Amino acid sequence: MQNPFTTTFSKMPDLTYVATESPTEIIENFSFDNPSESVYKITGVRGSGKTVILTKVEEVMRSSEYVKKGWLVFDLNPVRDMLGQVAAMLQKEGLGKSSRKNKSINISASVLGTGGGVGITSEKDFFDIGVEIDEMLEKAQKKGKKILIGIDEVSKSQEMVKFASEYGRWLRHEYPVFLVCTGLYENIMELSNVKNLTFFRRATTIKTEPLNKVRMSEMYKLRLNIDIKEAKELAAITKGYAYAFQKLGVLYFSKQTKEKLKDIVPALRSELFAYSYEKIWEELTPEDRFLLKLLTKKKEYKREEVLSLMGEKSGNYSMYRDRLIKRGLLLARQSYIALSLPFFAEYIEEYC
């Protein structure tokens, strides 16, 4: 029997998908004739399920129910010519001009590859892809179409800034174009601070949350054919971290008959350390690392305890704390904070 769990990043886990509230919030908004929100930013720590949320939204919006309502879904690659991709996809949907008197636009297959691919047949005429897309969006609007653009792992790249600038103009013209993107907190913030991208800074931010323990337990029970007591034990180990949930499922499904849960936990730790936490730690600032190193001896710390441990840096507590919560590395409960990822304290103590 094939292992139902998967640890491939950016892959939608078909058989072991654990539903969360985030996709529902986005889809419900887009279900209205005039959605109140046009842009959603999905952020969270690596391996927390950002791409899964985006993929789920796109999956629903591609369903026959939404196709009948006029929805089109464009999945863009942020490292290529993004405006070229939009133009090519609009053209493919029959929203381009079929003929021109003096010129014709040629959106070749290379748009979807590595080249530019957008050209013009007449050297006498000036071509602007922004104007061309405007005309196609106007046509889409008249036909009652709505366009959802999905972008996974955005960052402050030249292509992304150029696309976002055009997208802001589309919003001002009230074209029926909607955007859902994912990104690490620091990358989202860096792009939000670009001049003239006010709309992106103010857009709704959805932060990934730990997976529900009951839903994880039921999934383990169903897919691993184990009793609920052991399923709950597995779910508790993961602390709701999506990557850990999938990895532990993979390991448990593949374990030998005589092996127990305690025998595969070391393998889970090793996988988390090597394929998730090492990269997460590399991307942290010295200030973030300073606070995290203070939080490895207990499950949670009261505010006064942390202030005492920080010493002369205690005045920066709120700033460090808030940033780490937004990054998805800390959980806050009233005046207490705790590390959010399973075995992250051990990783810090052993390797940092």
Protein backbone atom coordinates (compact mmCIF):
# COMPACT_ATOMS: atom_id res chain seq x y z
CA MET A 1 0.00 0.00 0.00
CA GLN A 2 1.27 3.45 -0.91
CA ASN A 3 2.17 5.79 1.93
CA PRO A 4 -0.71 8.33 2.18
CA PHE A 5 1.45 10.99 3.85
CA THR A 6 3.83 13.30 1.98
CA THR A 7 6.70 15.60 2.95
CA THR A 8 7.18 17.21 -0.44
CA PHE A 9 7.14 20.97 0.06
CA SER A 10 4.53 22.85 -2.00
CA LYS A 11 2.57 19.64 -2.64
CA MET A 12 -1.09 19.36 -1.70
CA PRO A 13 -1.57 16.28 0.55
CA ASP A 14 -4.62 14.70 -1.10
CA LEU A 15 -5.38 11.83 1.29
CA THR A 16 -4.06 13.44 4.48
CA TYR A 17 -5.28 17.02 4.08
CA VAL A 18 -6.32 18.49 7.43
CA ALA A 19 -8.85 21.27 6.90
CA THR A 20 -8.24 24.68 8.47
CA GLU A 21 -10.36 27.82 8.64
CA SER A 22 -8.08 29.97 6.46
CA PRO A 23 -9.15 28.72 2.99
CA THR A 24 -12.80 28.98 4.04
CA GLU A 25 -12.41 32.65 4.97
CA ILE A 26 -10.91 33.49 1.58
CA ILE A 27 -13.36 31.39 -0.45
CA GLU A 28 -16.40 32.80 1.38
CA ASN A 29 -15.28 36.33 0.54
CA PHE A 30 -14.85 35.47 -3.14
CA SER A 31 -18.30 33.85 -3.18
CA PHE A 32 -20.01 37.24 -3.01
CA ASP A 33 -20.91 39.12 -6.18
CA ASN A 34 -18.68 41.99 -5.05
CA PRO A 35 -15.99 40.59 -2.71
CA SER A 36 -15.02 43.04 0.03
CA GLU A 37 -11.35 41.99 -0.06
CA SER A 38 -9.27 41.82 -3.23
CA VAL A 39 -5.89 40.76 -1.81
CA TYR A 40 -4.85 38.15 0.75
CA LYS A 41 -1.30 37.59 2.03
CA ILE A 42 -0.69 34.17 3.59
CA THR A 43 2.34 34.09 5.85
CA GLY A 44 3.91 31.72 8.35
CA VAL A 45 7.03 29.73 9.17
CA ARG A 46 8.49 27.30 6.63
CA GLY A 47 6.55 24.06 6.50
CA SER A 48 3.43 25.48 8.19
CA GLY A 49 1.08 24.96 5.24
CA LYS A 50 1.06 28.30 3.40
CA THR A 51 1.13 26.67 -0.03
CA VAL A 52 -1.53 24.16 0.98
CA ILE A 53 -3.92 27.03 1.82
CA LEU A 54 -3.25 28.71 -1.52
CA THR A 55 -3.62 25.42 -3.41
CA LYS A 56 -6.92 24.67 -1.67
CA VAL A 57 -8.32 28.08 -2.58
CA GLU A 58 -7.25 27.65 -6.21
CA GLU A 59 -8.72 24.14 -6.29
CA VAL A 60 -12.13 25.36 -5.17
CA MET A 61 -12.09 28.39 -7.48
CA ARG A 62 -11.36 26.07 -10.42
CA SER A 63 -14.38 23.88 -9.61
CA SER A 64 -17.35 23.81 -11.97
CA GLU A 65 -19.41 25.84 -9.47
CA TYR A 66 -17.07 28.81 -9.70
CA VAL A 67 -16.30 28.38 -13.40
CA LYS A 68 -20.02 28.85 -14.03
CA LYS A 69 -19.79 32.10 -12.08
CA GLY A 70 -17.10 33.33 -14.44
CA TRP A 71 -13.99 32.68 -12.36
CA LEU A 72 -10.61 32.15 -14.01
CA VAL A 73 -7.54 31.06 -11.99
CA PHE A 74 -4.04 32.13 -13.04
CA ASP A 75 -1.14 30.55 -11.15
CA LEU A 76 1.95 32.74 -11.69
CA ASN A 77 5.63 31.91 -11.30
CA PRO A 78 7.25 34.84 -9.42
CA VAL A 79 10.71 34.33 -10.90
CA ARG A 80 9.61 34.80 -14.52
CA ASP A 81 8.04 37.65 -16.50
CA MET A 82 4.81 37.92 -14.51
CA LEU A 83 3.03 40.47 -16.70
CA GLY A 84 3.91 38.35 -19.71
CA GLN A 85 2.34 35.35 -17.99
CA VAL A 86 -0.85 37.29 -17.26
CA ALA A 87 -1.04 38.47 -20.88
CA ALA A 88 -0.50 34.94 -22.19
CA MET A 89 -3.16 33.48 -19.91
CA LEU A 90 -5.70 36.16 -20.83
CA GLN A 91 -4.97 35.53 -24.50
CA LYS A 92 -5.42 31.80 -23.98
CA GLU A 93 -8.86 32.44 -22.44
CA GLY A 94 -9.89 34.24 -25.62
CA LEU A 95 -9.75 37.73 -24.12
CA GLY A 96 -7.19 39.14 -26.55
CA LYS A 97 -7.98 40.91 -29.80
CA SER A 98 -8.38 38.46 -32.65
CA SER A 99 -7.14 40.90 -35.29
CA ARG A 100 -5.51 44.29 -35.56
CA LYS A 101 -5.35 46.77 -38.39
CA ASN A 102 -1.74 47.88 -38.09
CA LYS A 103 -0.19 45.55 -35.61
CA SER A 104 -0.65 42.24 -33.83
CA ILE A 105 0.59 41.02 -30.51
CA ASN A 106 2.41 37.72 -30.49
CA ILE A 107 2.40 36.01 -27.11
CA SER A 108 4.49 32.94 -27.78
CA ALA A 109 4.90 29.79 -25.79
CA SER A 110 8.15 31.15 -24.44
CA VAL A 111 6.14 33.35 -22.06
CA LEU A 112 5.36 30.18 -20.19
CA GLY A 113 9.00 29.15 -20.36
CA THR A 114 12.05 31.22 -19.61
CA GLY A 115 11.96 33.87 -22.34
CA GLY A 116 10.02 37.11 -22.72
CA GLY A 117 7.74 35.96 -25.49
CA VAL A 118 5.67 39.11 -25.96
CA GLY A 119 6.36 40.84 -29.23
CA ILE A 120 4.91 43.04 -31.95
CA THR A 121 4.90 42.57 -35.68
CA SER A 122 5.16 46.20 -36.77
CA GLU A 123 8.25 48.22 -35.94
CA LYS A 124 6.30 51.45 -36.50
CA ASP A 125 3.96 50.86 -33.59
CA PHE A 126 4.79 51.19 -29.91
CA PHE A 127 3.76 48.29 -27.70
CA ASP A 128 3.12 48.51 -23.97
CA ILE A 129 2.15 45.29 -22.23
CA GLY A 130 0.34 47.23 -19.50
CA VAL A 131 -1.99 48.84 -22.02
CA GLU A 132 -2.50 45.49 -23.72
CA ILE A 133 -3.48 43.81 -20.44
CA ASP A 134 -5.82 46.70 -19.62
CA GLU A 135 -7.73 46.10 -22.84
CA MET A 136 -8.03 42.39 -22.09
CA LEU A 137 -9.17 43.04 -18.51
CA GLU A 138 -11.82 45.44 -19.78
CA LYS A 139 -13.03 42.71 -22.08
CA ALA A 140 -13.06 40.22 -19.20
CA GLN A 141 -15.09 42.67 -17.12
CA LYS A 142 -17.68 43.09 -19.87
CA LYS A 143 -18.00 39.31 -20.15
CA GLY A 144 -18.62 38.98 -16.40
CA LYS A 145 -15.32 37.24 -15.71
CA LYS A 146 -13.41 37.35 -12.42
CA ILE A 147 -9.72 36.52 -12.28
CA LEU A 148 -7.93 35.00 -9.30
CA ILE A 149 -4.15 35.29 -9.43
CA GLY A 150 -2.20 32.95 -7.14
CA ILE A 151 1.49 33.47 -6.39
CA ASP A 152 3.50 31.18 -4.13
CA GLU A 153 6.53 32.46 -2.16
CA VAL A 154 6.63 36.15 -3.06
CA SER A 155 9.66 38.30 -2.30
CA LYS A 156 10.94 41.74 -3.20
CA SER A 157 12.18 40.85 -6.68
CA GLN A 158 12.21 43.13 -9.69
CA GLU A 159 9.49 41.06 -11.38
CA MET A 160 7.28 41.04 -8.29
CA VAL A 161 7.59 44.81 -7.73
CA LYS A 162 6.74 45.48 -11.37
CA PHE A 163 3.74 43.16 -11.24
CA ALA A 164 2.49 44.58 -7.93
CA SER A 165 2.72 48.13 -9.27
CA GLU A 166 0.54 47.18 -12.23
CA TYR A 167 -1.84 45.24 -10.01
CA GLY A 168 -2.35 48.32 -7.82
CA ARG A 169 -3.38 50.22 -10.92
CA TRP A 170 -5.84 47.46 -11.85
CA LEU A 171 -7.43 47.87 -8.43
CA ARG A 172 -7.83 51.61 -8.96
CA HIS A 173 -9.55 50.92 -12.28
CA GLU A 174 -11.79 48.40 -10.47
CA TYR A 175 -10.95 45.53 -12.78
CA PRO A 176 -12.21 42.13 -11.53
CA VAL A 177 -8.75 40.85 -10.56
CA PHE A 178 -8.07 39.25 -7.17
CA LEU A 179 -4.76 38.19 -5.63
CA VAL A 180 -3.81 35.50 -3.10
CA CYS A 181 -0.09 35.10 -2.37
CA THR A 182 2.11 33.33 0.15
CA GLY A 183 5.43 34.30 1.65
CA LEU A 184 7.64 34.27 4.70
CA TYR A 185 6.88 37.09 7.13
CA GLU A 186 10.11 38.95 6.41
CA ASN A 187 9.61 38.72 2.63
CA ILE A 188 6.02 39.91 2.87
CA MET A 189 7.11 42.86 5.01
CA GLU A 190 9.94 43.81 2.68
CA LEU A 191 7.60 43.88 -0.30
CA SER A 192 4.95 45.75 1.71
CA ASN A 193 7.41 48.56 2.39
CA VAL A 194 8.10 49.27 -1.28
CA LYS A 195 7.07 52.80 -2.23
CA ASN A 196 3.69 53.08 -4.02
CA LEU A 197 2.53 49.61 -2.88
CA THR A 198 0.21 50.90 -0.17
CA PHE A 199 -2.54 48.50 -1.23
CA PHE A 200 -0.25 45.54 -0.52
CA ARG A 201 0.71 46.83 2.91
CA ARG A 202 -2.95 47.23 3.88
CA ALA A 203 -4.12 43.93 2.39
CA THR A 204 -5.54 41.25 4.66
CA THR A 205 -2.84 39.04 6.17
CA ILE A 206 -3.67 35.45 7.09
CA LYS A 207 -1.16 33.75 9.36
CA THR A 208 -0.93 29.97 9.35
CA GLU A 209 -2.04 28.37 12.60
CA PRO A 210 -1.19 25.02 14.21
CA LEU A 211 -3.28 22.16 12.85
CA ASN A 212 -6.22 21.11 15.00
CA LYS A 213 -5.29 18.25 17.37
CA VAL A 214 -8.63 16.48 16.99
CA ARG A 215 -8.47 16.57 13.20
CA MET A 216 -4.86 15.36 13.20
CA SER A 217 -5.74 12.53 15.59
CA GLU A 218 -8.66 11.41 13.43
CA MET A 219 -6.47 11.47 10.33
CA TYR A 220 -3.76 9.40 12.00
CA LYS A 221 -6.38 6.94 13.26
CA LEU A 222 -7.91 6.59 9.79
CA ARG A 223 -4.78 6.46 7.64
CA LEU A 224 -2.51 4.49 9.98
CA ASN A 225 -5.21 2.15 11.29
CA ILE A 226 -4.33 2.75 14.95
CA ASP A 227 -6.42 3.34 18.05
CA ILE A 228 -7.38 6.85 19.11
CA LYS A 229 -5.08 6.85 22.14
CA GLU A 230 -1.98 6.36 20.02
CA ALA A 231 -3.29 8.70 17.35
CA LYS A 232 -3.65 11.46 19.95
CA GLU A 233 -0.11 10.77 21.13
CA LEU A 234 1.21 11.23 17.60
CA ALA A 235 -0.75 14.47 17.15
CA ALA A 236 0.61 15.88 20.42
CA ILE A 237 4.20 15.25 19.33
CA THR A 238 3.77 17.40 16.19
CA LYS A 239 2.40 20.44 18.11
CA GLY A 240 0.29 21.12 15.03
CA TYR A 241 3.29 21.86 12.78
CA ALA A 242 2.16 20.76 9.31
CA TYR A 243 5.54 19.44 8.16
CA ALA A 244 5.96 17.44 11.38
CA PHE A 245 2.43 16.06 11.01
CA GLN A 246 3.18 14.73 7.54
CA LYS A 247 6.71 13.52 8.37
CA LEU A 248 5.61 11.61 11.44
CA GLY A 249 2.86 10.01 9.36
CA VAL A 250 5.42 8.94 6.75
CA LEU A 251 7.71 7.45 9.39
CA TYR A 252 4.97 5.66 11.30
CA PHE A 253 3.46 4.20 8.12
CA SER A 254 6.90 2.84 7.12
CA LYS A 255 7.99 1.56 10.55
CA GLN A 256 8.84 -2.07 11.16
CA THR A 257 6.36 -4.30 12.98
CA LYS A 258 8.42 -4.43 16.18
CA GLU A 259 9.13 -0.70 16.24
CA LYS A 260 7.25 1.54 18.65
CA LEU A 261 6.49 5.25 18.48
CA LYS A 262 9.50 6.02 20.69
CA ASP A 263 11.74 4.27 18.14
CA ILE A 264 10.82 6.61 15.27
CA VAL A 265 10.79 9.93 17.16
CA PRO A 266 14.60 10.35 16.79
CA ALA A 267 14.18 10.06 13.02
CA LEU A 268 11.51 12.76 13.14
CA ARG A 269 13.83 15.04 15.10
CA SER A 270 16.62 14.54 12.59
CA GLU A 271 14.35 15.32 9.64
CA LEU A 272 13.03 18.48 11.27
CA PHE A 273 16.51 19.65 12.20
CA ALA A 274 18.03 19.05 8.76
CA TYR A 275 15.22 20.00 6.39
CA SER A 276 13.36 22.72 8.26
CA TYR A 277 14.99 24.21 11.34
CA GLU A 278 18.45 24.73 9.86
CA LYS A 279 17.01 27.00 7.16
CA ILE A 280 14.66 28.75 9.58
CA TRP A 281 17.57 29.55 11.91
CA GLU A 282 19.74 30.87 9.07
CA GLU A 283 17.07 33.41 8.16
CA LEU A 284 16.67 34.84 11.67
CA THR A 285 18.19 38.11 12.83
CA PRO A 286 20.69 38.13 15.75
CA GLU A 287 17.95 39.72 17.90
CA ASP A 288 15.50 36.92 17.10
CA ARG A 289 18.12 34.30 17.93
CA PHE A 290 18.98 36.04 21.19
CA LEU A 291 15.42 35.78 22.50
CA LEU A 292 14.85 32.23 21.25
CA LYS A 293 18.00 31.00 23.01
CA LEU A 294 16.53 32.16 26.31
CA LEU A 295 13.41 30.01 25.93
CA THR A 296 14.79 26.47 25.73
CA LYS A 297 14.66 25.24 29.34
CA LYS A 298 10.89 25.22 29.94
CA LYS A 299 7.70 24.69 27.95
CA GLU A 300 6.59 28.29 28.50
CA TYR A 301 7.82 31.46 30.17
CA LYS A 302 6.05 34.29 31.92
CA ARG A 303 6.79 37.81 30.71
CA GLU A 304 8.60 38.79 33.92
CA GLU A 305 10.88 35.77 33.63
CA VAL A 306 11.90 36.67 30.10
CA LEU A 307 12.52 40.31 31.00
CA SER A 308 14.85 39.17 33.77
CA LEU A 309 16.73 36.85 31.41
CA MET A 310 17.08 39.58 28.77
CA GLY A 311 18.88 41.93 31.17
CA GLU A 312 19.75 45.27 29.59
CA LYS A 313 17.94 44.28 26.39
CA SER A 314 14.60 43.90 28.20
CA GLY A 315 13.35 47.15 26.73
CA ASN A 316 13.18 45.44 23.34
CA TYR A 317 11.09 42.50 24.59
CA SER A 318 7.78 43.52 22.98
CA MET A 319 9.41 44.16 19.60
CA TYR A 320 11.30 40.84 19.56
CA ARG A 321 8.26 38.94 20.85
CA ASP A 322 5.83 40.36 18.30
CA ARG A 323 8.17 39.72 15.41
CA LEU A 324 8.71 36.09 16.40
CA ILE A 325 4.98 35.55 16.81
CA LYS A 326 4.42 36.91 13.30
CA ARG A 327 7.19 34.67 12.00
CA GLY A 328 5.33 31.71 13.51
CA LEU A 329 8.04 30.73 15.97
CA LEU A 330 6.36 31.78 19.21
CA LEU A 331 2.95 31.12 20.73
CA ALA A 332 1.46 33.68 23.11
CA ARG A 333 -1.03 32.95 25.90
CA GLN A 334 -1.95 35.91 28.08
CA SER A 335 1.38 36.92 29.64
CA TYR A 336 3.13 33.67 28.66
CA ILE A 337 5.14 32.78 25.56
CA ALA A 338 6.45 29.43 24.28
CA LEU A 339 8.30 28.00 21.30
CA SER A 340 5.76 26.85 18.73
CA LEU A 341 7.66 24.10 16.87
CA PRO A 342 8.25 20.53 18.11
CA PHE A 343 11.81 19.84 19.31
CA PHE A 344 12.88 23.38 18.35
CA ALA A 345 14.31 23.97 21.82
CA GLU A 346 16.46 20.86 21.46
CA TYR A 347 17.65 22.02 18.04
CA ILE A 348 18.69 25.40 19.45
CA GLU A 349 20.54 23.83 22.38
CA GLU A 350 22.31 21.18 20.32
CA TYR A 351 23.16 23.04 17.12
CA CYS A 352 22.97 26.79 17.79
